[in-house]
Structure formats: C-alpha cells, structure tokens
Amino acid sequence: EFSMTYKTKDQGFTIIELLIVIVVIGILVFLIFSTLSGVKQKER
C-alpha cells in the first residue's frame, strides 16, 4: 500500500514546474515577436 501511494505521487507535474514552462515559453514568444517587428521596421 505504501509503495502504491508513493508511485501515484511521482506521476504528473507540479504547479511550479508548469509555471516555469509557461514563463519560458512566454519569454521565447516575446523574443521572436520583438525580433520580427525590428525586421519589419527596417524593411519599411
């Protein structure tokens, strides 16, 4: 019984892990859009 409960706690992600992934993705999206806007400005 103890080992079964232990195994169920190992599955899935914690809220902190999910937040970290969301923040990293947000930073990457921001960098991509800011780079693209700079390129478009130079083209204009």
PDB file of all heavy atoms in Angstrom:
ATOM      1  N   GLU A   1       0.828  -1.196   0.000  1.00  0.00           N
ATOM      2  CA  GLU A   1       0.000   0.000   0.000  1.00  0.00           C
ATOM      3  C   GLU A   1       0.866   1.251   0.000  1.00  0.00           C
ATOM      4  O   GLU A   1       0.597   2.209  -0.693  1.00  0.00           O
ATOM      5  CB  GLU A   1      -0.891   0.033   1.254  1.00  0.00           C
ATOM      6  CG  GLU A   1      -2.101  -0.846   1.165  1.00  0.00           C
ATOM      7  CD  GLU A   1      -2.910  -0.788   2.449  1.00  0.00           C
ATOM      8  OE1 GLU A   1      -2.814   0.232   3.170  1.00  0.00           O
ATOM      9  OE2 GLU A   1      -3.617  -1.742   2.729  1.00  0.00           O
ATOM     10  N   PHE A   2       1.922   1.232   0.763  1.00  0.00           N
ATOM     11  CA  PHE A   2       2.828   2.377   0.848  1.00  0.00           C
ATOM     12  C   PHE A   2       3.491   2.633  -0.493  1.00  0.00           C
ATOM     13  O   PHE A   2       3.571   3.745  -0.958  1.00  0.00           O
ATOM     14  CB  PHE A   2       3.871   2.126   1.941  1.00  0.00           C
ATOM     15  CG  PHE A   2       4.884   3.230   2.029  1.00  0.00           C
ATOM     16  CD1 PHE A   2       4.568   4.433   2.631  1.00  0.00           C
ATOM     17  CD2 PHE A   2       6.145   3.078   1.504  1.00  0.00           C
ATOM     18  CE1 PHE A   2       5.469   5.458   2.705  1.00  0.00           C
ATOM     19  CE2 PHE A   2       7.064   4.100   1.576  1.00  0.00           C
ATOM     20  CZ  PHE A   2       6.730   5.284   2.186  1.00  0.00           C
ATOM     21  N   SER A   3       3.940   1.574  -1.158  1.00  0.00           N
ATOM     22  CA  SER A   3       4.609   1.752  -2.428  1.00  0.00           C
ATOM     23  C   SER A   3       3.627   2.189  -3.509  1.00  0.00           C
ATOM     24  O   SER A   3       3.989   2.898  -4.417  1.00  0.00           O
ATOM     25  CB  SER A   3       5.347   0.483  -2.843  1.00  0.00           C
ATOM     26  OG  SER A   3       4.427  -0.566  -3.017  1.00  0.00           O
ATOM     27  N   MET A   4       2.366   1.803  -3.397  1.00  0.00           N
ATOM     28  CA  MET A   4       1.372   2.237  -4.375  1.00  0.00           C
ATOM     29  C   MET A   4       1.114   3.739  -4.237  1.00  0.00           C
ATOM     30  O   MET A   4       1.017   4.450  -5.222  1.00  0.00           O
ATOM     31  CB  MET A   4       0.059   1.480  -4.188  1.00  0.00           C
ATOM     32  CG  MET A   4       0.102   0.061  -4.667  1.00  0.00           C
ATOM     33  SD  MET A   4      -1.459  -0.668  -4.291  1.00  0.00           S
ATOM     34  CE  MET A   4      -1.884  -1.276  -5.872  1.00  0.00           C
ATOM     35  N   THR A   5       1.001   4.218  -3.027  1.00  0.00           N
ATOM     36  CA  THR A   5       0.774   5.640  -2.841  1.00  0.00           C
ATOM     37  C   THR A   5       2.007   6.431  -3.250  1.00  0.00           C
ATOM     38  O   THR A   5       1.871   7.499  -3.806  1.00  0.00           O
ATOM     39  CB  THR A   5       0.434   5.961  -1.375  1.00  0.00           C
ATOM     40  OG1 THR A   5       0.762   4.892  -0.533  1.00  0.00           O
ATOM     41  CG2 THR A   5      -0.954   6.404  -1.210  1.00  0.00           C
ATOM     42  N   TYR A   6       3.121   5.936  -3.049  1.00  0.00           N
ATOM     43  CA  TYR A   6       4.352   6.613  -3.433  1.00  0.00           C
ATOM     44  C   TYR A   6       4.424   6.740  -4.942  1.00  0.00           C
ATOM     45  O   TYR A   6       4.775   7.780  -5.464  1.00  0.00           O
ATOM     46  CB  TYR A   6       5.552   5.863  -2.857  1.00  0.00           C
ATOM     47  CG  TYR A   6       6.864   6.521  -3.203  1.00  0.00           C
ATOM     48  CD1 TYR A   6       7.213   7.725  -2.596  1.00  0.00           C
ATOM     49  CD2 TYR A   6       7.719   5.966  -4.136  1.00  0.00           C
ATOM     50  CE1 TYR A   6       8.393   8.351  -2.912  1.00  0.00           C
ATOM     51  CE2 TYR A   6       8.896   6.592  -4.463  1.00  0.00           C
ATOM     52  CZ  TYR A   6       9.235   7.780  -3.837  1.00  0.00           C
ATOM     53  OH  TYR A   6      10.404   8.393  -4.163  1.00  0.00           O
ATOM     54  N   LYS A   7       4.050   5.678  -5.663  1.00  0.00           N
ATOM     55  CA  LYS A   7       4.103   5.706  -7.120  1.00  0.00           C
ATOM     56  C   LYS A   7       3.110   6.722  -7.683  1.00  0.00           C
ATOM     57  O   LYS A   7       3.378   7.378  -8.659  1.00  0.00           O
ATOM     58  CB  LYS A   7       3.818   4.315  -7.686  1.00  0.00           C
ATOM     59  CG  LYS A   7       4.974   3.373  -7.556  1.00  0.00           C
ATOM     60  CD  LYS A   7       4.659   2.059  -8.219  1.00  0.00           C
ATOM     61  CE  LYS A   7       5.838   1.111  -8.052  1.00  0.00           C
ATOM     62  NZ  LYS A   7       5.570  -0.191  -8.647  1.00  0.00           N
ATOM     63  N   THR A   8       1.969   6.865  -7.115  1.00  0.00           N
ATOM     64  CA  THR A   8       0.996   7.824  -7.634  1.00  0.00           C
ATOM     65  C   THR A   8       1.476   9.259  -7.419  1.00  0.00           C
ATOM     66  O   THR A   8       1.145  10.131  -8.197  1.00  0.00           O
ATOM     67  CB  THR A   8      -0.388   7.630  -6.993  1.00  0.00           C
ATOM     68  OG1 THR A   8      -0.268   7.744  -5.592  1.00  0.00           O
ATOM     69  CG2 THR A   8      -1.002   6.321  -7.382  1.00  0.00           C
ATOM     70  N   LYS A   9       2.248   9.542  -6.419  1.00  0.00           N
ATOM     71  CA  LYS A   9       2.775  10.886  -6.204  1.00  0.00           C
ATOM     72  C   LYS A   9       3.840  11.227  -7.243  1.00  0.00           C
ATOM     73  O   LYS A   9       4.076  12.384  -7.519  1.00  0.00           O
ATOM     74  CB  LYS A   9       3.361  11.017  -4.799  1.00  0.00           C
ATOM     75  CG  LYS A   9       2.317  11.102  -3.724  1.00  0.00           C
ATOM     76  CD  LYS A   9       2.963  11.355  -2.388  1.00  0.00           C
ATOM     77  CE  LYS A   9       1.921  11.426  -1.287  1.00  0.00           C
ATOM     78  NZ  LYS A   9       2.518  11.645   0.003  1.00  0.00           N
ATOM     79  N   ASP A  10       4.495  10.285  -7.854  1.00  0.00           N
ATOM     80  CA  ASP A  10       5.542  10.517  -8.841  1.00  0.00           C
ATOM     81  C   ASP A  10       4.984  10.932 -10.201  1.00  0.00           C
ATOM     82  O   ASP A  10       5.694  11.474 -11.008  1.00  0.00           O
ATOM     83  CB  ASP A  10       6.355   9.216  -9.014  1.00  0.00           C
ATOM     84  CG  ASP A  10       7.752   9.353  -8.479  1.00  0.00           C
ATOM     85  OD1 ASP A  10       8.079  10.443  -7.986  1.00  0.00           O
ATOM     86  OD2 ASP A  10       8.501   8.379  -8.574  1.00  0.00           O
ATOM     87  N   GLN A  11       3.760  10.662 -10.483  1.00  0.00           N
ATOM     88  CA  GLN A  11       3.203  10.932 -11.801  1.00  0.00           C
ATOM     89  C   GLN A  11       2.695  12.362 -11.880  1.00  0.00           C
ATOM     90  O   GLN A  11       2.156  12.901 -10.930  1.00  0.00           O
ATOM     91  CB  GLN A  11       2.065   9.950 -12.095  1.00  0.00           C
ATOM     92  CG  GLN A  11       2.566   8.523 -12.143  1.00  0.00           C
ATOM     93  CD  GLN A  11       1.417   7.547 -12.294  1.00  0.00           C
ATOM     94  OE1 GLN A  11       0.271   7.907 -12.136  1.00  0.00           O
ATOM     95  NE2 GLN A  11       1.761   6.304 -12.579  1.00  0.00           N
ATOM     96  N   GLY A  12       2.841  13.024 -13.118  1.00  0.00           N
ATOM     97  CA  GLY A  12       2.337  14.371 -13.340  1.00  0.00           C
ATOM     98  C   GLY A  12       3.371  15.439 -12.967  1.00  0.00           C
ATOM     99  O   GLY A  12       4.471  15.144 -12.507  1.00  0.00           O
ATOM    100  N   PHE A  13       2.974  16.702 -13.182  1.00  0.00           N
ATOM    101  CA  PHE A  13       3.851  17.832 -12.921  1.00  0.00           C
ATOM    102  C   PHE A  13       3.284  18.665 -11.781  1.00  0.00           C
ATOM    103  O   PHE A  13       2.075  18.739 -11.599  1.00  0.00           O
ATOM    104  CB  PHE A  13       3.964  18.738 -14.168  1.00  0.00           C
ATOM    105  CG  PHE A  13       4.577  18.042 -15.339  1.00  0.00           C
ATOM    106  CD1 PHE A  13       3.777  17.561 -16.377  1.00  0.00           C
ATOM    107  CD2 PHE A  13       5.940  17.873 -15.417  1.00  0.00           C
ATOM    108  CE1 PHE A  13       4.332  16.933 -17.461  1.00  0.00           C
ATOM    109  CE2 PHE A  13       6.515  17.234 -16.506  1.00  0.00           C
ATOM    110  CZ  PHE A  13       5.708  16.758 -17.528  1.00  0.00           C
ATOM    111  N   THR A  14       4.169  19.326 -11.089  1.00  0.00           N
ATOM    112  CA  THR A  14       3.711  20.229 -10.028  1.00  0.00           C
ATOM    113  C   THR A  14       3.320  21.571 -10.660  1.00  0.00           C
ATOM    114  O   THR A  14       3.687  21.873 -11.793  1.00  0.00           O
ATOM    115  CB  THR A  14       4.811  20.457  -8.979  1.00  0.00           C
ATOM    116  OG1 THR A  14       5.890  21.145  -9.603  1.00  0.00           O
ATOM    117  CG2 THR A  14       5.284  19.148  -8.375  1.00  0.00           C
ATOM    118  N   ILE A  15       2.619  22.372  -9.927  1.00  0.00           N
ATOM    119  CA  ILE A  15       2.206  23.703 -10.394  1.00  0.00           C
ATOM    120  C   ILE A  15       3.436  24.551 -10.704  1.00  0.00           C
ATOM    121  O   ILE A  15       3.463  25.265 -11.696  1.00  0.00           O
ATOM    122  CB  ILE A  15       1.339  24.397  -9.313  1.00  0.00           C
ATOM    123  CG1 ILE A  15       0.064  23.630  -9.065  1.00  0.00           C
ATOM    124  CG2 ILE A  15       1.048  25.829  -9.682  1.00  0.00           C
ATOM    125  CD1 ILE A  15      -0.954  23.723 -10.164  1.00  0.00           C
ATOM    126  N   ILE A  16       4.453  24.461  -9.893  1.00  0.00           N
ATOM    127  CA  ILE A  16       5.671  25.259 -10.095  1.00  0.00           C
ATOM    128  C   ILE A  16       6.348  24.869 -11.397  1.00  0.00           C
ATOM    129  O   ILE A  16       6.787  25.735 -12.150  1.00  0.00           O
ATOM    130  CB  ILE A  16       6.621  25.077  -8.895  1.00  0.00           C
ATOM    131  CG1 ILE A  16       5.914  25.524  -7.656  1.00  0.00           C
ATOM    132  CG2 ILE A  16       7.943  25.748  -9.157  1.00  0.00           C
ATOM    133  CD1 ILE A  16       6.613  26.332  -6.666  1.00  0.00           C
ATOM    134  N   GLU A  17       6.432  23.588 -11.690  1.00  0.00           N
ATOM    135  CA  GLU A  17       7.039  23.138 -12.946  1.00  0.00           C
ATOM    136  C   GLU A  17       6.249  23.669 -14.143  1.00  0.00           C
ATOM    137  O   GLU A  17       6.831  24.139 -15.128  1.00  0.00           O
ATOM    138  CB  GLU A  17       7.104  21.610 -12.993  1.00  0.00           C
ATOM    139  CG  GLU A  17       8.101  21.012 -12.005  1.00  0.00           C
ATOM    140  CD  GLU A  17       7.984  19.510 -11.875  1.00  0.00           C
ATOM    141  OE1 GLU A  17       6.872  18.961 -12.059  1.00  0.00           O
ATOM    142  OE2 GLU A  17       9.031  18.875 -11.593  1.00  0.00           O
ATOM    143  N   LEU A  18       4.932  23.620 -14.062  1.00  0.00           N
ATOM    144  CA  LEU A  18       4.105  24.126 -15.154  1.00  0.00           C
ATOM    145  C   LEU A  18       4.277  25.629 -15.336  1.00  0.00           C
ATOM    146  O   LEU A  18       4.369  26.132 -16.454  1.00  0.00           O
ATOM    147  CB  LEU A  18       2.635  23.787 -14.910  1.00  0.00           C
ATOM    148  CG  LEU A  18       2.261  22.307 -15.052  1.00  0.00           C
ATOM    149  CD1 LEU A  18       0.821  22.088 -14.621  1.00  0.00           C
ATOM    150  CD2 LEU A  18       2.475  21.828 -16.466  1.00  0.00           C
ATOM    151  N   LEU A  19       4.339  26.369 -14.240  1.00  0.00           N
ATOM    152  CA  LEU A  19       4.542  27.815 -14.320  1.00  0.00           C
ATOM    153  C   LEU A  19       5.890  28.164 -14.941  1.00  0.00           C
ATOM    154  O   LEU A  19       5.988  29.097 -15.739  1.00  0.00           O
ATOM    155  CB  LEU A  19       4.404  28.451 -12.936  1.00  0.00           C
ATOM    156  CG  LEU A  19       2.984  28.527 -12.375  1.00  0.00           C
ATOM    157  CD1 LEU A  19       3.010  29.051 -10.948  1.00  0.00           C
ATOM    158  CD2 LEU A  19       2.117  29.402 -13.255  1.00  0.00           C
ATOM    159  N   ILE A  20       6.911  27.432 -14.586  1.00  0.00           N
ATOM    160  CA  ILE A  20       8.241  27.676 -15.150  1.00  0.00           C
ATOM    161  C   ILE A  20       8.219  27.451 -16.660  1.00  0.00           C
ATOM    162  O   ILE A  20       8.743  28.257 -17.431  1.00  0.00           O
ATOM    163  CB  ILE A  20       9.306  26.795 -14.461  1.00  0.00           C
ATOM    164  CG1 ILE A  20       9.535  27.295 -13.034  1.00  0.00           C
ATOM    165  CG2 ILE A  20      10.614  26.811 -15.246  1.00  0.00           C
ATOM    166  CD1 ILE A  20      10.420  26.401 -12.192  1.00  0.00           C
ATOM    167  N   VAL A  21       7.583  26.373 -17.107  1.00  0.00           N
ATOM    168  CA  VAL A  21       7.494  26.095 -18.546  1.00  0.00           C
ATOM    169  C   VAL A  21       6.715  27.204 -19.259  1.00  0.00           C
ATOM    170  O   VAL A  21       7.123  27.682 -20.320  1.00  0.00           O
ATOM    171  CB  VAL A  21       6.850  24.710 -18.788  1.00  0.00           C
ATOM    172  CG1 VAL A  21       6.490  24.520 -20.248  1.00  0.00           C
ATOM    173  CG2 VAL A  21       7.774  23.609 -18.316  1.00  0.00           C
ATOM    174  N   ILE A  22       5.621  27.663 -18.673  1.00  0.00           N
ATOM    175  CA  ILE A  22       4.817  28.725 -19.277  1.00  0.00           C
ATOM    176  C   ILE A  22       5.617  30.024 -19.371  1.00  0.00           C
ATOM    177  O   ILE A  22       5.584  30.715 -20.384  1.00  0.00           O
ATOM    178  CB  ILE A  22       3.504  28.918 -18.489  1.00  0.00           C
ATOM    179  CG1 ILE A  22       2.596  27.714 -18.720  1.00  0.00           C
ATOM    180  CG2 ILE A  22       2.801  30.214 -18.888  1.00  0.00           C
ATOM    181  CD1 ILE A  22       1.383  27.663 -17.820  1.00  0.00           C
ATOM    182  N   VAL A  23       6.353  30.365 -18.342  1.00  0.00           N
ATOM    183  CA  VAL A  23       7.175  31.582 -18.351  1.00  0.00           C
ATOM    184  C   VAL A  23       8.259  31.487 -19.420  1.00  0.00           C
ATOM    185  O   VAL A  23       8.494  32.444 -20.172  1.00  0.00           O
ATOM    186  CB  VAL A  23       7.781  31.846 -16.953  1.00  0.00           C
ATOM    187  CG1 VAL A  23       8.868  32.909 -17.008  1.00  0.00           C
ATOM    188  CG2 VAL A  23       6.692  32.260 -15.977  1.00  0.00           C
ATOM    189  N   VAL A  24       8.926  30.359 -19.541  1.00  0.00           N
ATOM    190  CA  VAL A  24       9.986  30.187 -20.547  1.00  0.00           C
ATOM    191  C   VAL A  24       9.392  30.316 -21.951  1.00  0.00           C
ATOM    192  O   VAL A  24       9.957  30.993 -22.812  1.00  0.00           O
ATOM    193  CB  VAL A  24      10.711  28.833 -20.355  1.00  0.00           C
ATOM    194  CG1 VAL A  24      11.586  28.512 -21.545  1.00  0.00           C
ATOM    195  CG2 VAL A  24      11.532  28.851 -19.077  1.00  0.00           C
ATOM    196  N   ILE A  25       8.239  29.695 -22.182  1.00  0.00           N
ATOM    197  CA  ILE A  25       7.587  29.804 -23.496  1.00  0.00           C
ATOM    198  C   ILE A  25       7.198  31.256 -23.768  1.00  0.00           C
ATOM    199  O   ILE A  25       7.384  31.761 -24.877  1.00  0.00           O
ATOM    200  CB  ILE A  25       6.367  28.861 -23.574  1.00  0.00           C
ATOM    201  CG1 ILE A  25       6.850  27.411 -23.620  1.00  0.00           C
ATOM    202  CG2 ILE A  25       5.500  29.184 -24.787  1.00  0.00           C
ATOM    203  CD1 ILE A  25       5.745  26.377 -23.507  1.00  0.00           C
ATOM    204  N   GLY A  26       6.684  31.953 -22.776  1.00  0.00           N
ATOM    205  CA  GLY A  26       6.326  33.364 -22.925  1.00  0.00           C
ATOM    206  C   GLY A  26       7.523  34.225 -23.298  1.00  0.00           C
ATOM    207  O   GLY A  26       7.423  35.094 -24.169  1.00  0.00           O
ATOM    208  N   ILE A  27       8.652  33.986 -22.662  1.00  0.00           N
ATOM    209  CA  ILE A  27       9.872  34.742 -22.976  1.00  0.00           C
ATOM    210  C   ILE A  27      10.305  34.464 -24.413  1.00  0.00           C
ATOM    211  O   ILE A  27      10.673  35.388 -25.148  1.00  0.00           O
ATOM    212  CB  ILE A  27      10.995  34.402 -21.970  1.00  0.00           C
ATOM    213  CG1 ILE A  27      10.650  34.987 -20.597  1.00  0.00           C
ATOM    214  CG2 ILE A  27      12.341  34.929 -22.451  1.00  0.00           C
ATOM    215  CD1 ILE A  27      11.569  34.529 -19.475  1.00  0.00           C
ATOM    216  N   LEU A  28      10.264  33.224 -24.847  1.00  0.00           N
ATOM    217  CA  LEU A  28      10.643  32.878 -26.218  1.00  0.00           C
ATOM    218  C   LEU A  28       9.714  33.538 -27.233  1.00  0.00           C
ATOM    219  O   LEU A  28      10.174  34.068 -28.248  1.00  0.00           O
ATOM    220  CB  LEU A  28      10.648  31.364 -26.402  1.00  0.00           C
ATOM    221  CG  LEU A  28      11.759  30.606 -25.670  1.00  0.00           C
ATOM    222  CD1 LEU A  28      11.564  29.101 -25.805  1.00  0.00           C
ATOM    223  CD2 LEU A  28      13.119  31.019 -26.187  1.00  0.00           C
ATOM    224  N   VAL A  29       8.427  33.534 -26.977  1.00  0.00           N
ATOM    225  CA  VAL A  29       7.463  34.177 -27.880  1.00  0.00           C
ATOM    226  C   VAL A  29       7.733  35.678 -27.953  1.00  0.00           C
ATOM    227  O   VAL A  29       7.727  36.271 -29.035  1.00  0.00           O
ATOM    228  CB  VAL A  29       6.017  33.878 -27.428  1.00  0.00           C
ATOM    229  CG1 VAL A  29       5.015  34.772 -28.137  1.00  0.00           C
ATOM    230  CG2 VAL A  29       5.676  32.417 -27.660  1.00  0.00           C
ATOM    231  N   PHE A  30       7.986  36.315 -26.820  1.00  0.00           N
ATOM    232  CA  PHE A  30       8.300  37.740 -26.790  1.00  0.00           C
ATOM    233  C   PHE A  30       9.537  38.042 -27.622  1.00  0.00           C
ATOM    234  O   PHE A  30       9.563  38.992 -28.401  1.00  0.00           O
ATOM    235  CB  PHE A  30       8.500  38.218 -25.346  1.00  0.00           C
ATOM    236  CG  PHE A  30       9.008  39.624 -25.254  1.00  0.00           C
ATOM    237  CD1 PHE A  30       8.153  40.695 -25.467  1.00  0.00           C
ATOM    238  CD2 PHE A  30      10.344  39.866 -24.963  1.00  0.00           C
ATOM    239  CE1 PHE A  30       8.632  41.990 -25.396  1.00  0.00           C
ATOM    240  CE2 PHE A  30      10.827  41.162 -24.893  1.00  0.00           C
ATOM    241  CZ  PHE A  30       9.961  42.232 -25.105  1.00  0.00           C
ATOM    242  N   LEU A  31      10.587  37.248 -27.472  1.00  0.00           N
ATOM    243  CA  LEU A  31      11.818  37.468 -28.234  1.00  0.00           C
ATOM    244  C   LEU A  31      11.581  37.323 -29.729  1.00  0.00           C
ATOM    245  O   LEU A  31      12.104  38.100 -30.530  1.00  0.00           O
ATOM    246  CB  LEU A  31      12.907  36.503 -27.762  1.00  0.00           C
ATOM    247  CG  LEU A  31      13.469  36.761 -26.363  1.00  0.00           C
ATOM    248  CD1 LEU A  31      14.434  35.651 -25.962  1.00  0.00           C
ATOM    249  CD2 LEU A  31      14.169  38.102 -26.315  1.00  0.00           C
ATOM    250  N   ILE A  32      10.803  36.341 -30.118  1.00  0.00           N
ATOM    251  CA  ILE A  32      10.515  36.136 -31.548  1.00  0.00           C
ATOM    252  C   ILE A  32       9.755  37.325 -32.114  1.00  0.00           C
ATOM    253  O   ILE A  32      10.098  37.858 -33.168  1.00  0.00           O
ATOM    254  CB  ILE A  32       9.740  34.819 -31.754  1.00  0.00           C
ATOM    255  CG1 ILE A  32      10.658  33.623 -31.496  1.00  0.00           C
ATOM    256  CG2 ILE A  32       9.133  34.742 -33.154  1.00  0.00           C
ATOM    257  CD1 ILE A  32       9.947  32.282 -31.425  1.00  0.00           C
ATOM    258  N   PHE A  33       8.706  37.787 -31.417  1.00  0.00           N
ATOM    259  CA  PHE A  33       7.919  38.904 -31.919  1.00  0.00           C
ATOM    260  C   PHE A  33       8.709  40.208 -31.941  1.00  0.00           C
ATOM    261  O   PHE A  33       8.562  41.004 -32.867  1.00  0.00           O
ATOM    262  CB  PHE A  33       6.627  39.077 -31.115  1.00  0.00           C
ATOM    263  CG  PHE A  33       5.558  38.120 -31.527  1.00  0.00           C
ATOM    264  CD1 PHE A  33       5.009  37.250 -30.603  1.00  0.00           C
ATOM    265  CD2 PHE A  33       5.106  38.070 -32.827  1.00  0.00           C
ATOM    266  CE1 PHE A  33       4.025  36.355 -30.973  1.00  0.00           C
ATOM    267  CE2 PHE A  33       4.120  37.176 -33.215  1.00  0.00           C
ATOM    268  CZ  PHE A  33       3.573  36.313 -32.282  1.00  0.00           C
ATOM    269  N   SER A  34       9.550  40.435 -30.950  1.00  0.00           N
ATOM    270  CA  SER A  34      10.329  41.674 -30.956  1.00  0.00           C
ATOM    271  C   SER A  34      11.356  41.666 -32.078  1.00  0.00           C
ATOM    272  O   SER A  34      11.614  42.702 -32.692  1.00  0.00           O
ATOM    273  CB  SER A  34      10.998  41.895 -29.599  1.00  0.00           C
ATOM    274  OG  SER A  34      11.942  40.887 -29.328  1.00  0.00           O
ATOM    275  N   THR A  35      11.918  40.517 -32.380  1.00  0.00           N
ATOM    276  CA  THR A  35      12.865  40.411 -33.491  1.00  0.00           C
ATOM    277  C   THR A  35      12.145  40.642 -34.817  1.00  0.00           C
ATOM    278  O   THR A  35      12.634  41.371 -35.676  1.00  0.00           O
ATOM    279  CB  THR A  35      13.547  39.029 -33.493  1.00  0.00           C
ATOM    280  OG1 THR A  35      14.237  38.859 -32.253  1.00  0.00           O
ATOM    281  CG2 THR A  35      14.529  38.906 -34.627  1.00  0.00           C
ATOM    282  N   LEU A  36      10.976  40.045 -34.986  1.00  0.00           N
ATOM    283  CA  LEU A  36      10.214  40.210 -36.221  1.00  0.00           C
ATOM    284  C   LEU A  36       9.776  41.656 -36.417  1.00  0.00           C
ATOM    285  O   LEU A  36       9.809  42.169 -37.534  1.00  0.00           O
ATOM    286  CB  LEU A  36       8.996  39.291 -36.232  1.00  0.00           C
ATOM    287  CG  LEU A  36       9.284  37.813 -36.462  1.00  0.00           C
ATOM    288  CD1 LEU A  36       7.995  37.003 -36.377  1.00  0.00           C
ATOM    289  CD2 LEU A  36       9.953  37.589 -37.797  1.00  0.00           C
ATOM    290  N   SER A  37       9.385  42.332 -35.354  1.00  0.00           N
ATOM    291  CA  SER A  37       8.951  43.720 -35.503  1.00  0.00           C
ATOM    292  C   SER A  37      10.126  44.609 -35.897  1.00  0.00           C
ATOM    293  O   SER A  37       9.961  45.540 -36.676  1.00  0.00           O
ATOM    294  CB  SER A  37       8.270  44.219 -34.242  1.00  0.00           C
ATOM    295  OG  SER A  37       9.176  44.744 -33.328  1.00  0.00           O
ATOM    296  N   GLY A  38      11.307  44.331 -35.392  1.00  0.00           N
ATOM    297  CA  GLY A  38      12.503  45.087 -35.781  1.00  0.00           C
ATOM    298  C   GLY A  38      12.844  44.888 -37.245  1.00  0.00           C
ATOM    299  O   GLY A  38      13.225  45.835 -37.944  1.00  0.00           O
ATOM    300  N   VAL A  39      12.690  43.679 -37.725  1.00  0.00           N
ATOM    301  CA  VAL A  39      12.967  43.377 -39.132  1.00  0.00           C
ATOM    302  C   VAL A  39      11.953  44.093 -40.020  1.00  0.00           C
ATOM    303  O   VAL A  39      12.313  44.700 -41.035  1.00  0.00           O
ATOM    304  CB  VAL A  39      12.940  41.841 -39.377  1.00  0.00           C
ATOM    305  CG1 VAL A  39      12.932  41.514 -40.848  1.00  0.00           C
ATOM    306  CG2 VAL A  39      14.121  41.180 -38.688  1.00  0.00           C
ATOM    307  N   LYS A  40      10.683  44.061 -39.646  1.00  0.00           N
ATOM    308  CA  LYS A  40       9.642  44.741 -40.426  1.00  0.00           C
ATOM    309  C   LYS A  40       9.860  46.247 -40.440  1.00  0.00           C
ATOM    310  O   LYS A  40       9.648  46.910 -41.455  1.00  0.00           O
ATOM    311  CB  LYS A  40       8.262  44.392 -39.896  1.00  0.00           C
ATOM    312  CG  LYS A  40       7.859  42.965 -40.210  1.00  0.00           C
ATOM    313  CD  LYS A  40       6.430  42.687 -39.800  1.00  0.00           C
ATOM    314  CE  LYS A  40       6.096  41.250 -40.030  1.00  0.00           C
ATOM    315  NZ  LYS A  40       5.514  41.003 -41.332  1.00  0.00           N
ATOM    316  N   GLN A  41      10.292  46.799 -39.324  1.00  0.00           N
ATOM    317  CA  GLN A  41      10.569  48.235 -39.254  1.00  0.00           C
ATOM    318  C   GLN A  41      11.701  48.596 -40.209  1.00  0.00           C
ATOM    319  O   GLN A  41      11.610  49.590 -40.939  1.00  0.00           O
ATOM    320  CB  GLN A  41      10.940  48.613 -37.822  1.00  0.00           C
ATOM    321  CG  GLN A  41      11.252  50.073 -37.626  1.00  0.00           C
ATOM    322  CD  GLN A  41      11.608  50.403 -36.183  1.00  0.00           C
ATOM    323  OE1 GLN A  41      11.418  49.603 -35.277  1.00  0.00           O
ATOM    324  NE2 GLN A  41      12.126  51.577 -35.957  1.00  0.00           N
ATOM    325  N   LYS A  42      12.748  47.801 -40.248  1.00  0.00           N
ATOM    326  CA  LYS A  42      13.867  48.055 -41.170  1.00  0.00           C
ATOM    327  C   LYS A  42      13.410  47.948 -42.617  1.00  0.00           C
ATOM    328  O   LYS A  42      13.832  48.734 -43.468  1.00  0.00           O
ATOM    329  CB  LYS A  42      15.010  47.075 -40.905  1.00  0.00           C
ATOM    330  CG  LYS A  42      15.791  47.391 -39.663  1.00  0.00           C
ATOM    331  CD  LYS A  42      16.914  46.400 -39.433  1.00  0.00           C
ATOM    332  CE  LYS A  42      17.612  46.661 -38.122  1.00  0.00           C
ATOM    333  NZ  LYS A  42      18.672  45.690 -37.837  1.00  0.00           N
ATOM    334  N   GLU A  43      12.549  46.991 -42.916  1.00  0.00           N
ATOM    335  CA  GLU A  43      12.017  46.848 -44.282  1.00  0.00           C
ATOM    336  C   GLU A  43      11.234  48.092 -44.689  1.00  0.00           C
ATOM    337  O   GLU A  43      11.369  48.588 -45.804  1.00  0.00           O
ATOM    338  CB  GLU A  43      11.116  45.622 -44.384  1.00  0.00           C
ATOM    339  CG  GLU A  43      11.846  44.310 -44.408  1.00  0.00           C
ATOM    340  CD  GLU A  43      10.908  43.106 -44.421  1.00  0.00           C
ATOM    341  OE1 GLU A  43       9.666  43.300 -44.534  1.00  0.00           O
ATOM    342  OE2 GLU A  43      11.401  41.984 -44.317  1.00  0.00           O
ATOM    343  N   ARG A  44      10.392  48.605 -43.791  1.00  0.00           N
ATOM    344  CA  ARG A  44       9.608  49.803 -44.111  1.00  0.00           C
ATOM    345  C   ARG A  44      10.513  51.018 -44.288  1.00  0.00           C
ATOM    346  O   ARG A  44      10.296  51.836 -45.185  1.00  0.00           O
ATOM    347  CB  ARG A  44       8.558  50.057 -43.024  1.00  0.00           C
ATOM    348  CG  ARG A  44       7.400  49.074 -43.060  1.00  0.00           C
ATOM    349  CD  ARG A  44       6.281  49.476 -42.112  1.00  0.00           C
ATOM    350  NE  ARG A  44       6.686  49.518 -40.731  1.00  0.00           N
ATOM    351  CZ  ARG A  44       6.586  48.501 -39.875  1.00  0.00           C
ATOM    352  NH1 ARG A  44       6.072  47.355 -40.254  1.00  0.00           N
ATOM    353  NH2 ARG A  44       6.967  48.646 -38.615  1.00  0.00           N
TER     354      ARG A  44
END
